Amino acid sequence: MQRLIECVPNISEGRRPEIIDAVTSVVETVEGCRLLDVDPGKSTNRTVITFVGPPETIGEAAFRVIKKASELIDMSKHSGEHPRMGATDVCPFVPVAGVSMEDCVEVARALGKRVGEELNIPGYFYESAAIRPERKNLAVCRKGEYEGLAKLGTEDGAPDFGPKEFNDHAKKTGATAIGARDFLIAYNINLNSTSSRRANAIAFDIREAGRIMREGGKISGKVLKDENGEPLRQPGTLKAVKGIGWYIEEYGIAQLSLNLTDINVTPTHIAFDEACEKARLRGVRVTGSELVGLVPLKVMTDAADYFLAKQQRSTGISESEKIKIAVKSLGLDDLCEFKPEERVIEYLIREKGMYPLLEKNLKAFAEETSSESPAPGGGSISAYAGALGAALSTMVANLSANKRGWDDRWEEFSGYADRAIALQTKLLALVDADTAAFNGIMDAYGMPRGSDSQKASRSEAIQAATKHAIDIPMEVAEISYEAMEVAESMAQIGNPNSITDAGVGAMCLRTAVMGAVLNARVNAGDLEDKEYVERTLKRCEELVNQAQAKEASVLSRVDEILK
């Protein structure tokens, strides 16, 4: 799984394209980071920059953005409609895939330290990265804006990093808020109505803030207040949701315009279902919805899992099928075509040619294998055989989950399908990984060896590449054996009409285990780490014996059913 963090720095420049281009151009100078979106605003004189990268390098990309902005933007001359206090006003980190909020906090804190020490820019940590509880709220950090930065020298306004004075340098750069927060989803829900008033009423039913309470429950009624004189509110049904209703002339319909500020609290599919129910109670029907901007893949797959479970259907299906189900269930194609490759963050950054073998069709893959090139070879074929075996196990689980008369067991078999398809996905990725590992050995052998230092570097590279070329097939063998456990379970308790599919799956997986073991063994002969070799060969023997036993168990069950 990719490990991705999104970074969304807002710089205080939205009118000079040359400055914006210079700042954003530094993002992709950092390995693994990809610039996704640049959204300038002239009236706000502010640009929102969106990029993603792994936790190991995204902090460096953010540092370069902040540095370049501080060099090119003079805050003493800045004006704009949006609240601001620095050349880079805010720089939040958002978990996207394979990372936690704690990972984002760690990146944010490390960045703040560097910005303060190396760039002499003062600033504050906010949201989940906040050190002082009151500074979780960005508005508290930015109180007084740029013009109020004399507060840097006070106890209440002292920065979390950087100089504690509004010196000449700080007068140019301003201050920066660096934070970690959850992903915010801008989500519009379409109604079969043109009434913005009714749309507003539904939005108030849903949003966390709800509506102000009035005497008699009437719009014209007197506002009810608490003992402190604050208006009483009737809260809405969903936490971490902001929203209003409006009429969109372009489409000729009313919409609910929602901001989902924490999709772990209220995900998209829950907001959609709640909107459907609240609209129904007011005589209005939801016709579809639209996601604004980019979204993590998790938004789509979680929605698919939710709707599949409501239908008591297996969730162990391919990612592409889940995307289709999410699009149709949420009505994301109601107003225009929804293109996942342009809207899902993980798809936007997926490198073309990242998986050269998997991107081939079956015929081309077979022809590439049969060519005189030594790769792809037995290792990649073993991984692919394992993926096919896992796919057959998934298929039997899904057929069992949907078998007539087994309705009360759909969740049990869905669990097996989920497990098998996860293993299938891992094995597919290892098809190209094995070939890449082989090519790594060839590259190491091709290194120069004219001097003693070159010979030493070459020898070290060969050993490292060889160990990697053992680790990959060993991973194939381990995963394939784990998938055999699913195949065995499907042979024992799955749909008996698919017993031969379970048998073929087990045979593919046994081939994957034994083939991967052969590739590990052949490379082990060139490795100098004898302790590692001994440990690996012992595990190879165990895996072969266990895989053969599992296959025998499955085939015995196949014979029993077929008699």
Protein backbone atom coordinates (compact mmCIF):
# COMPACT_ATOMS: atom_id res chain seq x y z
CA MET A 1 0.00 0.00 0.00
CA GLN A 2 1.16 3.52 -0.84
CA ARG A 3 1.84 5.72 2.18
CA LEU A 4 0.61 9.20 1.31
CA ILE A 5 0.20 12.51 3.08
CA GLU A 6 -1.47 15.50 1.46
CA CYS A 7 -0.03 18.97 2.06
CA VAL A 8 -2.12 22.09 1.35
CA PRO A 9 -0.01 25.25 1.86
CA ASN A 10 -1.78 28.56 1.28
CA ILE A 11 0.56 31.32 0.10
CA SER A 12 -0.26 35.04 0.23
CA GLU A 13 -0.03 35.64 -3.50
CA GLY A 14 -2.83 35.16 -6.03
CA ARG A 15 -2.19 37.85 -8.63
CA ARG A 16 1.33 37.37 -10.01
CA PRO A 17 1.58 34.09 -11.99
CA GLU A 18 5.38 34.26 -12.12
CA ILE A 19 5.58 34.20 -8.30
CA ILE A 20 3.02 31.39 -8.01
CA ASP A 21 4.85 29.33 -10.65
CA ALA A 22 8.20 29.83 -8.93
CA VAL A 23 6.83 28.68 -5.57
CA THR A 24 4.93 25.67 -6.86
CA SER A 25 7.77 24.53 -9.13
CA VAL A 26 9.85 23.41 -6.14
CA VAL A 27 7.38 20.69 -5.09
CA GLU A 28 8.37 18.10 -7.67
CA THR A 29 12.08 18.67 -7.11
CA VAL A 30 11.58 16.37 -4.11
CA GLU A 31 11.51 12.64 -4.79
CA GLY A 32 8.08 11.04 -4.45
CA CYS A 33 6.12 14.31 -4.24
CA ARG A 34 3.52 15.22 -6.85
CA LEU A 35 1.87 18.60 -7.40
CA LEU A 36 -1.87 18.03 -7.87
CA ASP A 37 -3.58 21.41 -7.91
CA VAL A 38 -2.86 25.15 -7.87
CA ASP A 39 -5.87 27.40 -7.18
CA PRO A 40 -5.10 31.17 -7.18
CA GLY A 41 -7.60 33.84 -6.13
CA LYS A 42 -7.14 37.45 -7.24
CA SER A 43 -9.51 39.11 -4.78
CA THR A 44 -8.12 37.11 -1.86
CA ASN A 45 -4.56 37.51 -3.20
CA ARG A 46 -3.99 33.95 -2.06
CA THR A 47 -3.18 30.62 -3.71
CA VAL A 48 -4.09 27.19 -2.41
CA ILE A 49 -1.47 24.60 -3.39
CA THR A 50 -2.16 20.87 -3.13
CA PHE A 51 0.48 18.17 -3.36
CA VAL A 52 1.02 14.68 -2.00
CA GLY A 53 3.97 12.53 -1.06
CA PRO A 54 5.21 9.89 1.35
CA PRO A 55 5.84 10.85 4.99
CA GLU A 56 9.59 10.50 4.45
CA THR A 57 9.84 13.35 1.90
CA ILE A 58 6.71 15.52 2.00
CA GLY A 59 8.13 17.65 4.81
CA GLU A 60 11.10 18.56 2.62
CA ALA A 61 8.78 19.63 -0.22
CA ALA A 62 6.78 21.80 2.20
CA PHE A 63 10.01 23.35 3.52
CA ARG A 64 11.06 24.31 0.00
CA VAL A 65 7.64 25.88 -0.67
CA ILE A 66 7.82 27.94 2.53
CA LYS A 67 11.42 28.97 1.79
CA LYS A 68 10.67 30.05 -1.78
CA ALA A 69 7.53 31.95 -0.72
CA SER A 70 9.49 33.79 1.99
CA GLU A 71 12.05 34.87 -0.62
CA LEU A 72 9.53 36.16 -3.16
CA ILE A 73 6.61 37.54 -1.11
CA ASP A 74 6.90 40.67 1.03
CA MET A 75 4.09 40.68 3.58
CA SER A 76 4.64 44.35 4.42
CA LYS A 77 3.19 45.13 0.97
CA HIS A 78 0.43 42.51 0.93
CA SER A 79 -3.31 43.12 0.86
CA GLY A 80 -6.24 40.81 0.20
CA GLU A 81 -9.72 39.86 1.37
CA HIS A 82 -8.73 36.59 3.08
CA PRO A 83 -7.37 36.54 6.66
CA ARG A 84 -3.58 36.05 6.56
CA MET A 85 -0.44 36.50 8.59
CA GLY A 86 2.42 35.13 6.50
CA ALA A 87 3.95 34.60 3.06
CA THR A 88 3.01 30.98 3.63
CA ASP A 89 -0.04 31.57 5.76
CA VAL A 90 -0.95 27.96 6.62
CA CYS A 91 0.59 24.60 5.88
CA PRO A 92 -1.58 21.65 6.97
CA PHE A 93 -0.74 17.97 6.54
CA VAL A 94 -3.58 15.51 5.93
CA PRO A 95 -3.45 11.69 6.13
CA VAL A 96 -4.51 10.14 2.82
CA ALA A 97 -3.42 6.49 2.68
CA GLY A 98 -1.40 4.15 4.86
CA VAL A 99 -0.56 6.83 7.44
CA SER A 100 -2.03 8.01 10.73
CA MET A 101 -2.72 11.44 12.14
CA GLU A 102 0.29 10.86 14.42
CA ASP A 103 2.47 10.54 11.30
CA CYS A 104 1.18 13.91 10.09
CA VAL A 105 1.79 15.50 13.48
CA GLU A 106 5.37 14.20 13.44
CA VAL A 107 5.97 15.70 9.98
CA ALA A 108 4.37 19.03 10.98
CA ARG A 109 6.40 19.37 14.18
CA ALA A 110 9.67 18.52 12.39
CA LEU A 111 8.88 21.07 9.66
CA GLY A 112 8.09 23.80 12.19
CA LYS A 113 11.41 23.21 13.92
CA ARG A 114 13.27 23.58 10.60
CA VAL A 115 11.27 26.65 9.54
CA GLY A 116 12.08 28.37 12.84
CA GLU A 117 15.75 27.40 13.00
CA GLU A 118 16.80 27.52 9.35
CA LEU A 119 14.49 30.19 7.90
CA ASN A 120 13.97 32.31 11.06
CA ILE A 121 10.25 32.41 10.40
CA PRO A 122 8.00 32.45 13.49
CA GLY A 123 4.86 30.37 13.62
CA TYR A 124 2.31 28.28 15.42
CA PHE A 125 1.25 24.63 15.46
CA TYR A 126 -2.51 24.17 15.02
CA GLU A 127 -5.25 21.53 14.86
CA SER A 128 -3.87 18.08 15.80
CA ALA A 129 -0.28 19.39 15.82
CA ALA A 130 -1.10 22.08 18.41
CA ILE A 131 1.10 22.21 21.52
CA ARG A 132 -1.20 24.62 23.35
CA PRO A 133 -4.85 23.43 23.42
CA GLU A 134 -6.31 26.83 22.51
CA ARG A 135 -4.21 26.85 19.35
CA LYS A 136 -6.03 23.87 17.88
CA ASN A 137 -8.28 26.55 16.41
CA LEU A 138 -6.53 28.27 13.50
CA ALA A 139 -8.45 31.48 14.18
CA VAL A 140 -6.73 31.75 17.57
CA CYS A 141 -3.28 31.41 15.96
CA ARG A 142 -4.11 34.00 13.32
CA LYS A 143 -5.84 36.49 15.63
CA GLY A 144 -4.82 40.02 14.69
CA GLU A 145 -3.49 38.72 11.35
CA TYR A 146 -0.23 40.12 9.94
CA GLU A 147 -0.88 43.57 11.37
CA GLY A 148 -1.09 42.11 14.88
CA LEU A 149 2.20 40.20 14.87
CA ALA A 150 3.66 42.44 17.55
CA LYS A 151 2.06 39.74 19.75
CA LEU A 152 5.11 37.55 19.01
CA GLY A 153 6.87 39.29 21.87
CA THR A 154 4.06 38.69 24.36
CA GLU A 155 3.36 35.69 26.57
CA ASP A 156 0.02 34.90 24.92
CA GLY A 157 1.28 35.45 21.38
CA ALA A 158 4.73 33.85 21.68
CA PRO A 159 5.32 31.54 18.70
CA ASP A 160 5.76 27.77 18.97
CA PHE A 161 8.82 28.03 16.71
CA GLY A 162 11.03 30.79 15.34
CA PRO A 163 11.99 34.23 16.71
CA LYS A 164 9.86 35.74 19.46
CA GLU A 165 9.97 39.23 18.04
CA PHE A 166 8.49 41.07 15.08
CA ASN A 167 11.89 41.93 13.64
CA ASP A 168 12.71 43.17 10.15
CA HIS A 169 12.92 39.62 8.79
CA ALA A 170 9.54 38.66 10.28
CA LYS A 171 8.03 41.87 8.88
CA LYS A 172 8.80 40.55 5.41
CA THR A 173 7.91 36.87 5.90
CA GLY A 174 5.13 37.17 8.45
CA ALA A 175 4.27 34.08 10.50
CA THR A 176 3.22 30.61 9.41
CA ALA A 177 0.72 28.17 10.95
CA ILE A 178 1.73 24.54 10.47
CA GLY A 179 -0.78 21.85 11.34
CA ALA A 180 -2.15 18.36 10.93
CA ARG A 181 -5.83 17.84 10.27
CA ASP A 182 -8.28 15.37 8.81
CA PHE A 183 -9.29 15.41 5.19
CA LEU A 184 -12.07 17.89 4.44
CA ILE A 185 -14.58 16.85 1.80
CA ALA A 186 -16.65 19.45 -0.06
CA TYR A 187 -19.78 17.52 -0.98
CA ASN A 188 -22.92 18.69 -2.78
CA ILE A 189 -26.13 16.67 -2.74
CA ASN A 190 -28.63 17.20 -5.59
CA LEU A 191 -32.36 17.59 -4.99
CA ASN A 192 -35.40 17.28 -7.27
CA SER A 193 -36.36 20.79 -6.22
CA THR A 194 -35.55 24.35 -7.16
CA SER A 195 -36.29 25.68 -3.68
CA SER A 196 -33.22 26.95 -1.86
CA ARG A 197 -35.42 27.43 1.23
CA ARG A 198 -36.27 23.73 1.36
CA ALA A 199 -32.66 22.83 0.64
CA ASN A 200 -31.60 25.06 3.53
CA ALA A 201 -34.10 23.39 5.84
CA ILE A 202 -32.67 19.95 4.99
CA ALA A 203 -29.11 21.22 5.47
CA PHE A 204 -30.07 22.58 8.90
CA ASP A 205 -31.60 19.19 9.78
CA ILE A 206 -28.25 17.55 9.04
CA ARG A 207 -25.43 19.91 9.91
CA GLU A 208 -23.89 19.73 13.39
CA ALA A 209 -24.74 23.37 14.20
CA GLY A 210 -28.38 22.72 13.37
CA ARG A 211 -30.64 25.78 13.54
CA ILE A 212 -31.40 28.61 15.94
CA MET A 213 -34.46 27.89 18.06
CA ARG A 214 -37.39 30.33 17.89
CA GLU A 215 -40.65 30.68 19.75
CA GLY A 216 -43.32 28.45 18.28
CA GLY A 217 -40.77 26.92 15.94
CA LYS A 218 -41.55 29.62 13.37
CA ILE A 219 -39.07 31.61 11.30
CA SER A 220 -40.73 34.82 12.46
CA GLY A 221 -40.65 33.74 16.10
CA LYS A 222 -38.47 35.38 18.72
CA VAL A 223 -34.98 33.88 19.07
CA LEU A 224 -34.71 31.78 22.24
CA LYS A 225 -31.59 32.42 24.34
CA ASP A 226 -29.79 30.75 27.24
CA GLU A 227 -28.92 32.30 30.59
CA ASN A 228 -25.83 33.93 29.05
CA GLY A 229 -27.85 35.56 26.30
CA GLU A 230 -26.55 33.20 23.61
CA PRO A 231 -29.06 31.88 21.02
CA LEU A 232 -30.28 28.34 21.74
CA ARG A 233 -29.70 25.89 18.91
CA GLN A 234 -31.39 22.67 17.90
CA PRO A 235 -28.42 20.53 16.78
CA GLY A 236 -28.47 18.63 13.52
CA THR A 237 -28.11 14.87 13.23
CA LEU A 238 -24.54 14.62 11.94
CA LYS A 239 -21.30 15.53 13.69
CA ALA A 240 -18.40 17.21 11.85
CA VAL A 241 -20.70 18.48 9.11
CA LYS A 242 -21.25 22.08 8.02
CA GLY A 243 -23.85 22.95 5.42
CA ILE A 244 -26.28 25.26 3.70
CA GLY A 245 -28.78 24.94 0.87
CA TRP A 246 -28.59 26.84 -2.39
CA TYR A 247 -29.95 27.01 -5.93
CA ILE A 248 -27.54 26.29 -8.79
CA GLU A 249 -28.66 28.12 -11.92
CA GLU A 250 -26.23 26.16 -14.11
CA TYR A 251 -28.02 22.91 -13.31
CA GLY A 252 -31.46 24.31 -12.53
CA ILE A 253 -31.67 22.48 -9.20
CA ALA A 254 -31.24 23.10 -5.48
CA GLN A 255 -28.39 21.43 -3.64
CA LEU A 256 -27.18 20.80 -0.14
CA SER A 257 -23.65 22.20 0.06
CA LEU A 258 -21.89 20.27 2.80
CA ASN A 259 -18.38 20.35 4.24
CA LEU A 260 -17.46 17.05 5.88
CA THR A 261 -14.74 18.21 8.25
CA ASP A 262 -13.86 14.75 9.61
CA ILE A 263 -14.68 11.80 7.38
CA ASN A 264 -13.76 9.42 10.18
CA VAL A 265 -16.74 10.83 12.13
CA THR A 266 -19.16 11.35 9.24
CA PRO A 267 -18.06 9.78 5.96
CA THR A 268 -19.58 10.66 2.62
CA HIS A 269 -21.96 7.71 2.42
CA ILE A 270 -23.47 8.45 5.83
CA ALA A 271 -24.06 12.10 4.87
CA PHE A 272 -25.70 10.94 1.63
CA ASP A 273 -28.05 8.47 3.32
CA GLU A 274 -29.00 10.98 6.01
CA ALA A 275 -29.74 13.59 3.34
CA CYS A 276 -31.95 11.09 1.52
CA GLU A 277 -33.95 10.44 4.70
CA LYS A 278 -34.29 14.09 5.74
CA ALA A 279 -35.26 15.09 2.20
CA ARG A 280 -37.92 12.34 2.08
CA LEU A 281 -39.47 13.63 5.29
CA ARG A 282 -39.85 17.04 3.63
CA GLY A 283 -41.31 15.65 0.41
CA VAL A 284 -38.10 16.08 -1.55
CA ARG A 285 -35.99 13.42 -3.28
CA VAL A 286 -32.21 13.20 -3.59
CA THR A 287 -31.23 12.55 -7.22
CA GLY A 288 -27.46 12.28 -6.84
CA SER A 289 -24.42 14.12 -5.55
CA GLU A 290 -21.09 15.61 -6.53
CA LEU A 291 -17.69 15.59 -4.88
CA VAL A 292 -15.83 18.88 -5.20
CA GLY A 293 -12.10 18.61 -5.80
CA LEU A 294 -9.92 15.61 -5.06
CA VAL A 295 -10.71 12.75 -2.70
CA PRO A 296 -8.75 9.85 -1.19
CA LEU A 297 -9.50 6.39 -2.57
CA LYS A 298 -10.80 5.41 0.87
CA VAL A 299 -13.83 7.69 0.40
CA MET A 300 -14.90 5.59 -2.58
CA THR A 301 -14.08 2.12 -1.27
CA ASP A 302 -15.65 2.78 2.13
CA ALA A 303 -18.83 3.94 0.41
CA ALA A 304 -18.89 0.80 -1.73
CA ASP A 305 -18.41 -1.43 1.33
CA TYR A 306 -21.24 0.39 3.11
CA PHE A 307 -23.75 -0.06 0.30
CA LEU A 308 -22.69 -3.65 -0.41
CA ALA A 309 -23.17 -4.54 3.27
CA LYS A 310 -26.64 -2.95 3.22
CA GLN A 311 -27.48 -5.28 0.33
CA GLN A 312 -25.93 -8.22 2.23
CA ARG A 313 -23.44 -8.71 -0.56
CA SER A 314 -19.78 -9.62 -0.31
CA THR A 315 -17.35 -6.71 -0.02
CA GLY A 316 -14.48 -8.87 -1.32
CA ILE A 317 -14.53 -7.52 -4.88
CA SER A 318 -11.99 -5.64 -6.97
CA GLU A 319 -11.17 -2.00 -6.43
CA SER A 320 -12.48 -1.06 -9.88
CA GLU A 321 -15.83 -2.70 -9.14
CA LYS A 322 -16.02 -0.87 -5.82
CA ILE A 323 -15.47 2.45 -7.59
CA LYS A 324 -18.38 1.70 -9.94
CA ILE A 325 -20.65 0.80 -7.04
CA ALA A 326 -19.70 3.97 -5.14
CA VAL A 327 -20.38 6.15 -8.19
CA LYS A 328 -23.80 4.60 -8.80
CA SER A 329 -24.81 4.43 -5.13
CA LEU A 330 -23.94 8.07 -4.46
CA GLY A 331 -25.19 9.24 -7.86
CA LEU A 332 -21.88 10.88 -8.64
CA ASP A 333 -22.69 10.74 -12.37
CA ASP A 334 -26.00 12.58 -11.93
CA LEU A 335 -24.83 15.94 -13.29
CA CYS A 336 -21.73 14.95 -15.25
CA GLU A 337 -19.41 12.00 -15.79
CA PHE A 338 -17.31 11.09 -12.75
CA LYS A 339 -13.78 10.17 -13.83
CA PRO A 340 -11.94 8.39 -10.99
CA GLU A 341 -8.58 8.77 -12.73
CA GLU A 342 -8.97 12.56 -12.48
CA ARG A 343 -10.59 12.77 -9.04
CA VAL A 344 -9.01 10.12 -6.83
CA ILE A 345 -5.70 11.23 -5.34
CA GLU A 346 -4.00 7.83 -5.49
CA TYR A 347 -4.90 7.47 -9.16
CA LEU A 348 -3.62 10.93 -10.03
CA ILE A 349 -0.17 10.16 -8.70
CA ARG A 350 0.09 6.63 -10.02
CA GLU A 351 3.04 6.64 -12.34
CA LYS A 352 2.40 5.47 -15.88
CA GLY A 353 4.50 2.37 -16.40
CA MET A 354 4.77 1.69 -12.67
CA TYR A 355 3.63 -1.89 -13.30
CA PRO A 356 4.84 -2.65 -16.85
CA LEU A 357 3.98 -6.35 -16.73
CA LEU A 358 0.56 -5.96 -15.13
CA GLU A 359 -0.36 -3.30 -17.67
CA LYS A 360 0.02 -5.86 -20.49
CA ASN A 361 -2.88 -7.97 -21.69
CA LEU A 362 -2.69 -11.75 -21.24
CA LYS A 363 -1.35 -12.37 -24.75
CA ALA A 364 1.34 -9.69 -24.48
CA PHE A 365 2.37 -10.95 -21.04
CA ALA A 366 2.78 -14.50 -22.36
CA GLU A 367 4.75 -13.27 -25.37
CA GLU A 368 7.03 -11.16 -23.17
CA THR A 369 7.67 -14.19 -20.99
CA SER A 370 8.50 -16.39 -23.97
CA SER A 371 11.02 -13.91 -25.41
CA GLU A 372 14.78 -14.42 -25.10
CA SER A 373 14.93 -11.89 -22.25
CA PRO A 374 15.54 -13.65 -18.88
CA ALA A 375 12.89 -11.53 -17.19
CA PRO A 376 10.05 -11.93 -16.52
CA GLY A 377 10.94 -15.42 -15.44
CA GLY A 378 9.89 -18.02 -12.93
CA GLY A 379 9.65 -15.55 -10.06
CA SER A 380 7.15 -13.26 -11.75
CA ILE A 381 5.20 -16.23 -13.08
CA SER A 382 5.05 -17.68 -9.57
CA ALA A 383 3.63 -14.42 -8.23
CA TYR A 384 1.06 -14.33 -11.04
CA ALA A 385 0.11 -17.96 -10.47
CA GLY A 386 -0.42 -17.08 -6.82
CA ALA A 387 -2.60 -14.10 -7.79
CA LEU A 388 -4.75 -16.35 -9.97
CA GLY A 389 -5.06 -18.90 -7.16
CA ALA A 390 -6.10 -16.18 -4.73
CA ALA A 391 -8.56 -14.85 -7.32
CA LEU A 392 -10.21 -18.26 -7.63
CA SER A 393 -10.48 -18.47 -3.84
CA THR A 394 -12.11 -15.02 -3.84
CA MET A 395 -14.52 -16.13 -6.54
CA VAL A 396 -15.64 -19.19 -4.57
CA ALA A 397 -16.13 -17.03 -1.47
CA ASN A 398 -18.25 -14.54 -3.42
CA LEU A 399 -20.33 -17.29 -5.05
CA SER A 400 -20.88 -18.78 -1.60
CA ALA A 401 -21.90 -15.40 -0.16
CA ASN A 402 -24.52 -15.03 -2.90
CA LYS A 403 -25.73 -18.64 -2.94
CA ARG A 404 -29.49 -19.02 -2.68
CA GLY A 405 -30.47 -20.38 0.71
CA TRP A 406 -27.21 -19.26 2.34
CA ASP A 407 -28.37 -15.69 2.98
CA ASP A 408 -27.54 -15.89 6.68
CA ARG A 409 -23.90 -16.71 5.85
CA TRP A 410 -23.10 -13.83 3.47
CA GLU A 411 -21.02 -11.99 6.08
CA GLU A 412 -18.94 -15.09 6.86
CA PHE A 413 -18.03 -15.60 3.21
CA SER A 414 -17.55 -11.87 2.63
CA GLY A 415 -14.81 -12.04 5.26
CA TYR A 416 -13.04 -14.80 3.33
CA ALA A 417 -13.40 -12.83 0.08
CA ASP A 418 -11.97 -9.69 1.68
CA ARG A 419 -8.98 -11.65 2.93
CA ALA A 420 -8.34 -13.41 -0.39
CA ILE A 421 -8.61 -10.30 -2.56
CA ALA A 422 -6.18 -8.44 -0.29
CA LEU A 423 -3.67 -11.26 -0.82
CA GLN A 424 -4.39 -11.24 -4.55
CA THR A 425 -3.60 -7.51 -4.70
CA LYS A 426 -0.27 -8.04 -2.92
CA LEU A 427 0.70 -10.87 -5.26
CA LEU A 428 -0.11 -8.84 -8.35
CA ALA A 429 2.22 -6.07 -7.17
CA LEU A 430 4.96 -8.69 -6.69
CA VAL A 431 4.78 -9.77 -10.36
CA ASP A 432 6.67 -6.61 -11.38
CA ALA A 433 8.62 -6.47 -8.11
CA ASP A 434 10.28 -9.81 -8.86
CA THR A 435 11.40 -8.72 -12.31
CA ALA A 436 12.64 -5.42 -10.87
CA ALA A 437 14.63 -7.36 -8.25
CA PHE A 438 16.30 -9.44 -10.99
CA ASN A 439 17.12 -6.29 -12.96
CA GLY A 440 18.61 -4.85 -9.77
CA ILE A 441 21.11 -7.70 -9.65
CA MET A 442 22.02 -7.14 -13.30
CA ASP A 443 22.52 -3.42 -12.65
CA ALA A 444 24.78 -4.17 -9.68
CA TYR A 445 26.94 -6.53 -11.75
CA GLY A 446 27.22 -3.80 -14.38
CA MET A 447 28.76 -1.28 -11.97
CA PRO A 448 32.35 -0.13 -12.65
CA ARG A 449 35.19 -2.03 -10.95
CA GLY A 450 38.32 -0.20 -12.04
CA SER A 451 39.47 0.86 -8.58
CA ASP A 452 39.43 -0.80 -5.16
CA SER A 453 36.67 1.56 -3.95
CA GLN A 454 34.60 0.81 -7.04
CA LYS A 455 35.06 -2.91 -6.50
CA ALA A 456 33.98 -2.56 -2.89
CA SER A 457 30.90 -0.54 -3.87
CA ARG A 458 30.03 -3.04 -6.59
CA SER A 459 30.39 -6.01 -4.25
CA GLU A 460 28.23 -4.32 -1.62
CA ALA A 461 25.56 -3.50 -4.23
CA ILE A 462 25.55 -7.07 -5.52
CA GLN A 463 25.02 -8.47 -2.05
CA ALA A 464 22.21 -6.01 -1.29
CA ALA A 465 20.49 -6.71 -4.63
CA THR A 466 20.85 -10.46 -4.15
CA LYS A 467 19.29 -10.32 -0.70
CA HIS A 468 16.41 -8.27 -2.13
CA ALA A 469 16.01 -10.85 -4.90
CA ILE A 470 15.57 -13.49 -2.17
CA ASP A 471 13.22 -11.40 -0.04
CA ILE A 472 10.77 -10.85 -2.90
CA PRO A 473 10.13 -14.53 -3.78
CA MET A 474 10.01 -15.38 -0.08
CA GLU A 475 7.25 -12.81 0.27
CA VAL A 476 5.47 -14.42 -2.69
CA ALA A 477 5.76 -17.83 -1.03
CA GLU A 478 4.47 -16.61 2.35
CA ILE A 479 1.50 -14.76 0.87
CA SER A 480 0.62 -17.63 -1.46
CA TYR A 481 0.66 -20.08 1.42
CA GLU A 482 -1.62 -17.78 3.42
CA ALA A 483 -3.99 -17.73 0.44
CA MET A 484 -3.97 -21.54 0.43
CA GLU A 485 -5.67 -21.38 3.83
CA VAL A 486 -8.57 -19.54 2.20
CA ALA A 487 -8.66 -22.05 -0.66
CA GLU A 488 -8.78 -24.90 1.85
CA SER A 489 -11.63 -23.25 3.77
CA MET A 490 -13.58 -22.71 0.55
CA ALA A 491 -13.09 -26.35 -0.40
CA GLN A 492 -14.40 -27.44 3.00
CA ILE A 493 -17.33 -25.05 3.55
CA GLY A 494 -17.82 -23.11 0.30
CA ASN A 495 -20.33 -23.55 -2.47
CA PRO A 496 -19.96 -27.22 -3.54
CA ASN A 497 -20.83 -26.26 -7.12
CA SER A 498 -17.47 -24.42 -7.22
CA ILE A 499 -15.36 -27.17 -5.66
CA THR A 500 -13.18 -27.58 -8.74
CA ASP A 501 -12.44 -23.84 -8.73
CA ALA A 502 -11.20 -24.16 -5.16
CA GLY A 503 -9.07 -27.13 -6.29
CA VAL A 504 -7.53 -25.28 -9.22
CA GLY A 505 -6.90 -22.30 -6.96
CA ALA A 506 -5.05 -24.47 -4.47
CA MET A 507 -2.91 -25.98 -7.24
CA CYS A 508 -2.02 -22.51 -8.55
CA LEU A 509 -1.07 -21.42 -5.06
CA ARG A 510 1.04 -24.53 -4.45
CA THR A 511 2.84 -23.78 -7.71
CA ALA A 512 3.36 -20.21 -6.54
CA VAL A 513 4.88 -21.35 -3.25
CA MET A 514 7.19 -23.92 -4.81
CA GLY A 515 8.16 -21.70 -7.73
CA ALA A 516 8.98 -18.79 -5.43
CA VAL A 517 11.03 -21.09 -3.22
CA LEU A 518 13.08 -22.21 -6.22
CA ASN A 519 13.88 -18.58 -7.04
CA ALA A 520 14.89 -17.85 -3.46
CA ARG A 521 17.13 -20.91 -3.39
CA VAL A 522 18.90 -20.12 -6.64
CA ASN A 523 19.84 -16.65 -5.39
CA ALA A 524 20.83 -17.89 -1.93
CA GLY A 525 23.94 -19.51 -3.38
CA ASP A 526 25.44 -16.09 -4.13
CA LEU A 527 24.79 -14.51 -0.75
CA GLU A 528 27.60 -14.19 1.77
CA ASP A 529 25.32 -13.80 4.80
CA LYS A 530 25.30 -17.48 5.72
CA GLU A 531 23.11 -17.08 8.78
CA TYR A 532 20.41 -15.42 6.66
CA VAL A 533 20.80 -18.14 4.01
CA GLU A 534 20.46 -20.93 6.55
CA ARG A 535 17.37 -19.37 8.08
CA THR A 536 15.83 -18.78 4.63
CA LEU A 537 16.46 -22.30 3.35
CA LYS A 538 14.92 -23.77 6.49
CA ARG A 539 11.80 -21.69 5.92
CA CYS A 540 11.74 -22.73 2.26
CA GLU A 541 11.59 -26.39 3.28
CA GLU A 542 8.78 -25.69 5.74
CA LEU A 543 6.75 -23.79 3.16
CA VAL A 544 7.09 -26.53 0.54
CA ASN A 545 5.97 -29.23 2.96
CA GLN A 546 3.07 -27.17 4.26
CA ALA A 547 1.91 -26.17 0.76
CA GLN A 548 1.98 -29.75 -0.46
CA ALA A 549 -0.03 -30.85 2.57
CA LYS A 550 -2.59 -28.10 2.01
CA GLU A 551 -2.93 -29.00 -1.66
CA ALA A 552 -3.44 -32.67 -0.78
CA SER A 553 -6.14 -31.71 1.72
CA VAL A 554 -7.98 -29.59 -0.85
CA LEU A 555 -7.74 -32.20 -3.63
CA SER A 556 -8.99 -34.87 -1.24
CA ARG A 557 -12.04 -32.72 -0.58
CA VAL A 558 -12.51 -32.18 -4.32
CA ASP A 559 -12.49 -35.96 -4.89
CA GLU A 560 -14.97 -36.42 -2.06
CA ILE A 561 -17.44 -33.93 -3.59
CA LEU A 562 -17.02 -35.23 -7.14
CA LYS A 563 -17.70 -38.89 -6.26
